[in-house]
Amino acid sequence: MTALEWAGFAAGITTTLIGLLAGLRWLVRGWLNELRPNGGNSMKDQLTDLQKETTHLSNRIDELFIVISRK
């Protein structure tokens, strides 16, 4: 292969890698946006709300168990 062919080959590989990395960066940025709190619309906000509700229900069940066990 001549030097010109090697240069073209290297340019093609470099362009392909840059395209793949740009696509990966775009995907990761979208995933990270879902994990940031933003007023209730993100997955993180929804998981936090579910965790609070689960903790509250667990406390209520514990209180009910104490009341029932006293009778």
Protein backbone atom coordinates (compact mmCIF):
# COMPACT_ATOMS: atom_id res chain seq x y z
CA MET A 1 0.00 0.00 0.00
CA THR A 2 1.16 3.48 -0.74
CA ALA A 3 1.40 6.29 1.78
CA LEU A 4 -1.74 7.88 0.34
CA GLU A 5 -3.71 4.66 0.82
CA TRP A 6 -2.47 4.35 4.40
CA ALA A 7 -3.50 7.94 5.09
CA GLY A 8 -6.98 7.27 3.70
CA PHE A 9 -7.26 4.09 5.75
CA ALA A 10 -6.23 5.93 8.93
CA ALA A 11 -8.67 8.75 8.20
CA GLY A 12 -11.50 6.26 7.72
CA ILE A 13 -10.73 4.46 10.98
CA THR A 14 -10.44 7.76 12.84
CA THR A 15 -13.75 9.01 11.45
CA THR A 16 -15.50 5.78 12.38
CA LEU A 17 -14.15 5.87 15.94
CA ILE A 18 -15.13 9.51 16.39
CA GLY A 19 -18.66 8.70 15.20
CA LEU A 20 -18.97 5.77 17.59
CA LEU A 21 -17.68 7.81 20.53
CA ALA A 22 -20.05 10.68 19.72
CA GLY A 23 -22.99 8.27 19.65
CA LEU A 24 -21.94 6.72 22.94
CA ARG A 25 -21.60 10.16 24.51
CA TRP A 26 -25.11 11.05 23.34
CA LEU A 27 -26.52 7.86 24.88
CA VAL A 28 -24.73 8.34 28.20
CA ARG A 29 -25.88 11.95 28.42
CA GLY A 30 -29.49 10.82 27.95
CA TRP A 31 -29.12 8.16 30.64
CA LEU A 32 -27.59 10.62 33.09
CA ASN A 33 -30.45 13.06 32.52
CA GLU A 34 -32.86 10.36 33.70
CA LEU A 35 -30.89 9.96 36.94
CA ARG A 36 -30.92 13.65 37.90
CA PRO A 37 -33.79 15.03 39.97
CA ASN A 38 -35.84 17.51 37.95
CA GLY A 39 -39.09 18.12 39.77
CA GLY A 40 -40.74 14.72 39.64
CA ASN A 41 -40.37 13.66 36.03
CA SER A 42 -37.12 11.73 36.25
CA MET A 43 -36.71 8.09 37.16
CA LYS A 44 -34.71 9.11 40.24
CA ASP A 45 -37.58 11.27 41.52
CA GLN A 46 -40.04 8.44 41.02
CA LEU A 47 -37.79 5.95 42.84
CA THR A 48 -37.32 8.39 45.72
CA ASP A 49 -41.08 8.82 46.02
CA LEU A 50 -41.59 5.05 46.03
CA GLN A 51 -38.94 4.62 48.71
CA LYS A 52 -40.61 7.24 50.93
CA GLU A 53 -44.01 5.62 50.46
CA THR A 54 -42.61 2.16 51.21
CA THR A 55 -40.96 3.43 54.40
CA HIS A 56 -44.20 5.09 55.48
CA LEU A 57 -46.23 1.92 54.85
CA SER A 58 -43.66 -0.18 56.70
CA ASN A 59 -43.96 2.10 59.73
CA ARG A 60 -47.75 1.86 59.61
CA ILE A 61 -47.60 -1.95 59.49
CA ASP A 62 -45.26 -1.95 62.49
CA GLU A 63 -47.69 0.27 64.42
CA LEU A 64 -50.64 -1.97 63.52
CA PHE A 65 -48.71 -5.04 64.60
CA ILE A 66 -48.01 -3.44 68.01
CA VAL A 67 -51.69 -2.53 68.44
CA ILE A 68 -52.85 -6.04 67.50
CA SER A 69 -50.29 -7.76 69.73
CA ARG A 70 -51.51 -5.77 72.79
CA LYS A 71 -55.03 -7.20 72.49
